[in-house]
Each structure stands twice: as structure tokens, then as C-alpha cells.
PDB file of N, CA and C in Angstrom:
ATOM      1  N   VAL A   1     -21.144   3.833 -18.503  1.00  0.00           N
ATOM      2  CA  VAL A   1     -20.425   2.745 -18.875  1.00  0.00           C
ATOM      3  C   VAL A   1     -21.230   1.745 -18.352  1.00  0.00           C
ATOM      4  N   GLY A   2     -22.380   1.694 -17.433  1.00  0.00           N
ATOM      5  CA  GLY A   2     -23.366   0.809 -16.999  1.00  0.00           C
ATOM      6  C   GLY A   2     -22.737   0.152 -16.090  1.00  0.00           C
ATOM      7  N   VAL A   3     -21.801   0.419 -15.478  1.00  0.00           N
ATOM      8  CA  VAL A   3     -21.196   0.104 -14.019  1.00  0.00           C
ATOM      9  C   VAL A   3     -21.808   1.277 -12.783  1.00  0.00           C
ATOM     10  N   LYS A   4     -22.556   0.300 -11.769  1.00  0.00           N
ATOM     11  CA  LYS A   4     -22.908   0.469 -10.855  1.00  0.00           C
ATOM     12  C   LYS A   4     -22.223   1.377  -9.711  1.00  0.00           C
ATOM     13  N   GLU A   5     -22.984   2.191  -9.349  1.00  0.00           N
ATOM     14  CA  GLU A   5     -21.865   3.281  -8.492  1.00  0.00           C
ATOM     15  C   GLU A   5     -21.343   2.749  -7.388  1.00  0.00           C
ATOM     16  N   SER A   6     -21.880   1.864  -6.572  1.00  0.00           N
ATOM     17  CA  SER A   6     -21.208   1.019  -5.856  1.00  0.00           C
ATOM     18  C   SER A   6     -19.783   0.454  -6.280  1.00  0.00           C
ATOM     19  N   TYR A   7     -20.012  -0.392  -7.429  1.00  0.00           N
ATOM     20  CA  TYR A   7     -18.991  -0.811  -7.823  1.00  0.00           C
ATOM     21  C   TYR A   7     -17.871   0.031  -8.580  1.00  0.00           C
ATOM     22  N   GLN A   8     -18.365   1.110  -8.831  1.00  0.00           N
ATOM     23  CA  GLN A   8     -17.556   2.475  -9.428  1.00  0.00           C
ATOM     24  C   GLN A   8     -16.288   2.895  -8.248  1.00  0.00           C
ATOM     25  N   MET A   9     -16.912   3.130  -6.994  1.00  0.00           N
ATOM     26  CA  MET A   9     -16.279   3.522  -5.853  1.00  0.00           C
ATOM     27  C   MET A   9     -15.495   2.662  -5.572  1.00  0.00           C
ATOM     28  N   THR A  10     -15.664   0.990  -4.989  1.00  0.00           N
ATOM     29  CA  THR A  10     -14.563   0.065  -4.888  1.00  0.00           C
ATOM     30  C   THR A  10     -13.772   0.003  -6.270  1.00  0.00           C
ATOM     31  N   ILE A  11     -13.745   0.236  -7.491  1.00  0.00           N
ATOM     32  CA  ILE A  11     -12.648   0.331  -8.242  1.00  0.00           C
ATOM     33  C   ILE A  11     -12.024   1.518  -8.080  1.00  0.00           C
ATOM     34  N   PHE A  12     -12.562   2.684  -8.111  1.00  0.00           N
ATOM     35  CA  PHE A  12     -11.809   4.099  -7.529  1.00  0.00           C
ATOM     36  C   PHE A  12     -10.778   3.711  -6.442  1.00  0.00           C
ATOM     37  N   ARG A  13     -11.400   3.233  -5.382  1.00  0.00           N
ATOM     38  CA  ARG A  13     -10.574   2.804  -4.251  1.00  0.00           C
ATOM     39  C   ARG A  13      -9.399   2.324  -4.445  1.00  0.00           C
ATOM     40  N   ILE A  14      -9.887   0.713  -5.138  1.00  0.00           N
ATOM     41  CA  ILE A  14      -8.280  -0.170  -5.641  1.00  0.00           C
ATOM     42  C   ILE A  14      -7.319   0.721  -6.545  1.00  0.00           C
ATOM     43  N   ILE A  15      -7.673   1.256  -7.371  1.00  0.00           N
ATOM     44  CA  ILE A  15      -6.819   1.831  -8.176  1.00  0.00           C
ATOM     45  C   ILE A  15      -5.871   3.180  -7.384  1.00  0.00           C
ATOM     46  N   ALA A  16      -6.681   3.926  -6.626  1.00  0.00           N
ATOM     47  CA  ALA A  16      -5.821   5.140  -5.653  1.00  0.00           C
ATOM     48  C   ALA A  16      -5.323   4.386  -4.556  1.00  0.00           C
ATOM     49  N   ALA A  17      -5.471   3.000  -4.210  1.00  0.00           N
ATOM     50  CA  ALA A  17      -4.363   2.389  -2.895  1.00  0.00           C
ATOM     51  C   ALA A  17      -3.329   1.757  -4.192  1.00  0.00           C
ATOM     52  N   ILE A  18      -3.285   1.548  -5.282  1.00  0.00           N
ATOM     53  CA  ILE A  18      -2.364   0.879  -5.951  1.00  0.00           C
ATOM     54  C   ILE A  18      -1.553   2.845  -6.567  1.00  0.00           C
ATOM     55  N   LEU A  19      -2.004   3.245  -6.559  1.00  0.00           N
ATOM     56  CA  LEU A  19      -1.307   4.693  -6.877  1.00  0.00           C
ATOM     57  C   LEU A  19      -0.334   5.009  -5.624  1.00  0.00           C
ATOM     58  N   HIS A  20      -1.100   4.737  -4.365  1.00  0.00           N
ATOM     59  CA  HIS A  20      -0.357   5.420  -3.573  1.00  0.00           C
ATOM     60  C   HIS A  20       0.872   4.410  -2.976  1.00  0.00           C
ATOM     61  N   LEU A  21       0.737   2.990  -3.346  1.00  0.00           N
ATOM     62  CA  LEU A  21       1.400   1.977  -3.174  1.00  0.00           C
ATOM     63  C   LEU A  21       2.694   1.900  -3.836  1.00  0.00           C
ATOM     64  N   GLY A  22       2.608   2.825  -5.034  1.00  0.00           N
ATOM     65  CA  GLY A  22       3.575   3.044  -6.106  1.00  0.00           C
ATOM     66  C   GLY A  22       4.293   4.255  -5.555  1.00  0.00           C
ATOM     67  N   ASN A  23       3.915   5.282  -4.839  1.00  0.00           N
ATOM     68  CA  ASN A  23       4.509   6.501  -4.022  1.00  0.00           C
ATOM     69  C   ASN A  23       5.428   6.023  -2.979  1.00  0.00           C
ATOM     70  N   LEU A  24       5.333   4.663  -2.570  1.00  0.00           N
ATOM     71  CA  LEU A  24       5.679   4.152  -1.474  1.00  0.00           C
ATOM     72  C   LEU A  24       7.239   3.952  -1.334  1.00  0.00           C
ATOM     73  N   GLU A  25       7.974   4.940  -0.232  1.00  0.00           N
ATOM     74  CA  GLU A  25       9.395   4.841  -0.175  1.00  0.00           C
ATOM     75  C   GLU A  25       9.910   3.734   0.649  1.00  0.00           C
ATOM     76  N   ILE A  26      10.723   2.537  -0.005  1.00  0.00           N
ATOM     77  CA  ILE A  26      11.326   1.702   0.310  1.00  0.00           C
ATOM     78  C   ILE A  26      12.851   1.672   0.491  1.00  0.00           C
ATOM     79  N   GLN A  27      13.636   1.540   1.613  1.00  0.00           N
ATOM     80  CA  GLN A  27      14.392   1.771   1.580  1.00  0.00           C
ATOM     81  C   GLN A  27      15.594   0.656   1.774  1.00  0.00           C
ATOM     82  N   GLY A  28      16.758   0.049   0.981  1.00  0.00           N
ATOM     83  CA  GLY A  28      17.556  -0.983   0.969  1.00  0.00           C
ATOM     84  C   GLY A  28      18.431  -0.920   2.016  1.00  0.00           C
ATOM     85  N   GLU A  29      18.877  -2.169   2.723  1.00  0.00           N
ATOM     86  CA  GLU A  29      19.747  -2.037   3.349  1.00  0.00           C
ATOM     87  C   GLU A  29      20.699  -3.136   3.155  1.00  0.00           C
ATOM     88  N   ARG A  30      21.526  -3.265   3.635  1.00  0.00           N
ATOM     89  CA  ARG A  30      22.984  -4.448   3.507  1.00  0.00           C
ATOM     90  C   ARG A  30      23.078  -4.676   1.793  1.00  0.00           C
ATOM     91  N   ASP A  31      23.189  -3.731   0.894  1.00  0.00           N
ATOM     92  CA  ASP A  31      23.369  -4.225  -0.547  1.00  0.00           C
ATOM     93  C   ASP A  31      22.198  -4.922  -0.610  1.00  0.00           C
ATOM     94  N   GLY A  32      20.923  -4.328  -0.386  1.00  0.00           N
ATOM     95  CA  GLY A  32      19.635  -4.803  -1.023  1.00  0.00           C
ATOM     96  C   GLY A  32      19.143  -6.508  -0.770  1.00  0.00           C
ATOM     97  N   GLU A  33      19.579  -7.132   0.363  1.00  0.00           N
ATOM     98  CA  GLU A  33      19.383  -7.817   1.204  1.00  0.00           C
ATOM     99  C   GLU A  33      18.153  -7.726   2.131  1.00  0.00           C
ATOM    100  N   PHE A  34      17.894  -6.872   2.570  1.00  0.00           N
ATOM    101  CA  PHE A  34      16.969  -6.301   3.580  1.00  0.00           C
ATOM    102  C   PHE A  34      16.092  -4.892   3.086  1.00  0.00           C
ATOM    103  N   CYS A  35      15.116  -4.602   3.483  1.00  0.00           N
ATOM    104  CA  CYS A  35      14.362  -3.478   3.183  1.00  0.00           C
ATOM    105  C   CYS A  35      13.872  -3.119   4.337  1.00  0.00           C
ATOM    106  N   ASN A  36      13.319  -2.034   4.410  1.00  0.00           N
ATOM    107  CA  ASN A  36      12.415  -1.315   5.188  1.00  0.00           C
ATOM    108  C   ASN A  36      11.480  -0.179   4.753  1.00  0.00           C
ATOM    109  N   VAL A  37      10.261  -0.053   5.366  1.00  0.00           N
ATOM    110  CA  VAL A  37       9.432   1.071   5.084  1.00  0.00           C
ATOM    111  C   VAL A  37       8.842   1.736   6.416  1.00  0.00           C
ATOM    112  N   SER A  38       9.132   3.092   6.153  1.00  0.00           N
ATOM    113  CA  SER A  38       8.973   3.897   7.481  1.00  0.00           C
ATOM    114  C   SER A  38       7.145   3.814   7.822  1.00  0.00           C
ATOM    115  N   SER A  39       7.462   3.486   9.162  1.00  0.00           N
ATOM    116  CA  SER A  39       5.762   3.723   9.816  1.00  0.00           C
ATOM    117  C   SER A  39       5.193   4.912   9.769  1.00  0.00           C
ATOM    118  N   GLU A  40       5.612   5.829   9.220  1.00  0.00           N
ATOM    119  CA  GLU A  40       5.264   7.341   8.875  1.00  0.00           C
ATOM    120  C   GLU A  40       4.991   7.660   7.747  1.00  0.00           C
ATOM    121  N   ASP A  41       5.214   6.890   6.898  1.00  0.00           N
ATOM    122  CA  ASP A  41       5.077   6.841   5.732  1.00  0.00           C
ATOM    123  C   ASP A  41       3.432   7.255   5.438  1.00  0.00           C
ATOM    124  N   GLU A  42       2.979   8.707   4.404  1.00  0.00           N
ATOM    125  CA  GLU A  42       1.475   8.607   4.325  1.00  0.00           C
ATOM    126  C   GLU A  42       1.282   8.363   3.254  1.00  0.00           C
ATOM    127  N   HIS A  43       1.941   7.907   2.180  1.00  0.00           N
ATOM    128  CA  HIS A  43       1.628   6.571   1.221  1.00  0.00           C
ATOM    129  C   HIS A  43       0.822   5.368   1.863  1.00  0.00           C
ATOM    130  N   LEU A  44       1.613   4.849   2.542  1.00  0.00           N
ATOM    131  CA  LEU A  44       1.439   3.710   3.342  1.00  0.00           C
ATOM    132  C   LEU A  44       0.200   3.572   4.163  1.00  0.00           C
ATOM    133  N   SER A  45       0.315   4.782   5.073  1.00  0.00           N
ATOM    134  CA  SER A  45      -1.080   4.732   5.931  1.00  0.00           C
ATOM    135  C   SER A  45      -2.174   5.069   4.796  1.00  0.00           C
ATOM    136  N   LYS A  46      -2.341   5.822   3.626  1.00  0.00           N
ATOM    137  CA  LYS A  46      -3.562   5.683   2.703  1.00  0.00           C
ATOM    138  C   LYS A  46      -3.654   4.841   2.002  1.00  0.00           C
ATOM    139  N   PHE A  47      -3.056   4.053   1.661  1.00  0.00           N
ATOM    140  CA  PHE A  47      -2.732   2.118   1.076  1.00  0.00           C
ATOM    141  C   PHE A  47      -4.108   1.683   2.042  1.00  0.00           C
ATOM    142  N   CYS A  48      -3.262   1.639   3.130  1.00  0.00           N
ATOM    143  CA  CYS A  48      -3.993   1.013   4.282  1.00  0.00           C
ATOM    144  C   CYS A  48      -5.271   1.338   4.919  1.00  0.00           C
ATOM    145  N   SER A  49      -5.450   2.713   4.845  1.00  0.00           N
ATOM    146  CA  SER A  49      -7.238   2.933   5.220  1.00  0.00           C
ATOM    147  C   SER A  49      -7.857   2.774   3.828  1.00  0.00           C
ATOM    148  N   LEU A  50      -7.380   2.839   2.700  1.00  0.00           N
ATOM    149  CA  LEU A  50      -8.219   2.663   1.506  1.00  0.00           C
ATOM    150  C   LEU A  50      -8.795   1.071   1.309  1.00  0.00           C
ATOM    151  N   LEU A  51      -7.943   0.129   1.864  1.00  0.00           N
ATOM    152  CA  LEU A  51      -8.138  -1.401   1.619  1.00  0.00           C
ATOM    153  C   LEU A  51      -8.491  -1.860   2.635  1.00  0.00           C
ATOM    154  N   GLY A  52      -8.609  -1.283   3.851  1.00  0.00           N
ATOM    155  CA  GLY A  52      -9.013  -1.601   5.238  1.00  0.00           C
ATOM    156  C   GLY A  52      -8.176  -3.010   5.354  1.00  0.00           C
ATOM    157  N   VAL A  53      -6.707  -2.548   5.648  1.00  0.00           N
ATOM    158  CA  VAL A  53      -6.008  -3.744   5.685  1.00  0.00           C
ATOM    159  C   VAL A  53      -5.089  -2.837   7.282  1.00  0.00           C
ATOM    160  N   GLU A  54      -4.555  -3.888   7.738  1.00  0.00           N
ATOM    161  CA  GLU A  54      -3.579  -3.254   9.401  1.00  0.00           C
ATOM    162  C   GLU A  54      -2.157  -2.898   8.547  1.00  0.00           C
ATOM    163  N   HIS A  55      -1.943  -1.586   9.443  1.00  0.00           N
ATOM    164  CA  HIS A  55      -0.660  -0.851   8.853  1.00  0.00           C
ATOM    165  C   HIS A  55       0.567  -1.774   9.426  1.00  0.00           C
ATOM    166  N   SER A  56       0.617  -1.899  10.128  1.00  0.00           N
ATOM    167  CA  SER A  56       1.447  -2.556  10.869  1.00  0.00           C
ATOM    168  C   SER A  56       2.226  -4.204  10.036  1.00  0.00           C
ATOM    169  N   GLN A  57       1.161  -4.664   9.780  1.00  0.00           N
ATOM    170  CA  GLN A  57       1.038  -6.008   9.023  1.00  0.00           C
ATOM    171  C   GLN A  57       1.517  -5.958   7.281  1.00  0.00           C
ATOM    172  N   MET A  58       0.968  -4.589   7.077  1.00  0.00           N
ATOM    173  CA  MET A  58       1.108  -4.356   5.683  1.00  0.00           C
ATOM    174  C   MET A  58       2.871  -3.772   5.229  1.00  0.00           C
ATOM    175  N   GLN A  59       2.971  -3.250   6.358  1.00  0.00           N
ATOM    176  CA  GLN A  59       4.661  -2.600   6.283  1.00  0.00           C
ATOM    177  C   GLN A  59       5.535  -3.919   6.869  1.00  0.00           C
ATOM    178  N   HIS A  60       5.161  -4.843   7.609  1.00  0.00           N
ATOM    179  CA  HIS A  60       5.763  -5.983   7.673  1.00  0.00           C
ATOM    180  C   HIS A  60       6.251  -6.748   6.404  1.00  0.00           C
ATOM    181  N   TRP A  61       4.872  -7.064   5.618  1.00  0.00           N
ATOM    182  CA  TRP A  61       5.005  -7.966   4.929  1.00  0.00           C
ATOM    183  C   TRP A  61       5.160  -7.709   3.657  1.00  0.00           C
ATOM    184  N   LEU A  62       5.241  -6.447   3.459  1.00  0.00           N
ATOM    185  CA  LEU A  62       6.108  -5.556   2.136  1.00  0.00           C
ATOM    186  C   LEU A  62       7.548  -5.856   2.086  1.00  0.00           C
ATOM    187  N   CYS A  63       7.949  -6.260   3.426  1.00  0.00           N
ATOM    188  CA  CYS A  63       9.746  -6.533   3.197  1.00  0.00           C
ATOM    189  C   CYS A  63      10.164  -7.583   3.404  1.00  0.00           C
ATOM    190  N   HIS A  64       9.386  -8.889   3.552  1.00  0.00           N
ATOM    191  CA  HIS A  64       9.811  -9.706   3.792  1.00  0.00           C
ATOM    192  C   HIS A  64       8.726 -10.830   2.789  1.00  0.00           C
ATOM    193  N   ARG A  65       9.780 -11.702   2.322  1.00  0.00           N
ATOM    194  CA  ARG A  65       9.217 -12.807   1.310  1.00  0.00           C
ATOM    195  C   ARG A  65       8.475 -14.061   1.615  1.00  0.00           C
ATOM    196  N   LYS A  66       8.203 -14.225   2.922  1.00  0.00           N
ATOM    197  CA  LYS A  66       7.271 -15.657   3.241  1.00  0.00           C
ATOM    198  C   LYS A  66       6.437 -15.131   4.225  1.00  0.00           C
TER     199      LYS A  66
END
């Protein structure tokens, strides 16, 4: 395809992270007004490690609007 191997690995890492994010279980509370993501969710851990983001921050901001 003509894409450098380093770029390919970055693209694969981003795609894998997006796929893990799609498998994340988000529990709704209070008729959908609030939500919660388990800190032990394996897909959240994989997502964070693939993208190099902090686990607790991602868990927080997936459930808060601001």
C-alpha cells in the first residue's frame, strides 16, 4: 500500500483502541441521567494502554459531559 511500517502500527493501534472502546460496558443510572464505567473493565484498560492515556481520567471523562 506504500505506508511506512511505523505508520501502519500507529493506525493498527488506533483501530484496536476504537474496537475495544466499542466493547466497553457503560452502566446507566437514574433513568440514563448518569453513567458509570467499571474501573476493572478489561476493554477500558486495553484502550488506555493502546493510546497511552490515564485510566482514571478516561473513566471519568467517558461519563461526564464537560
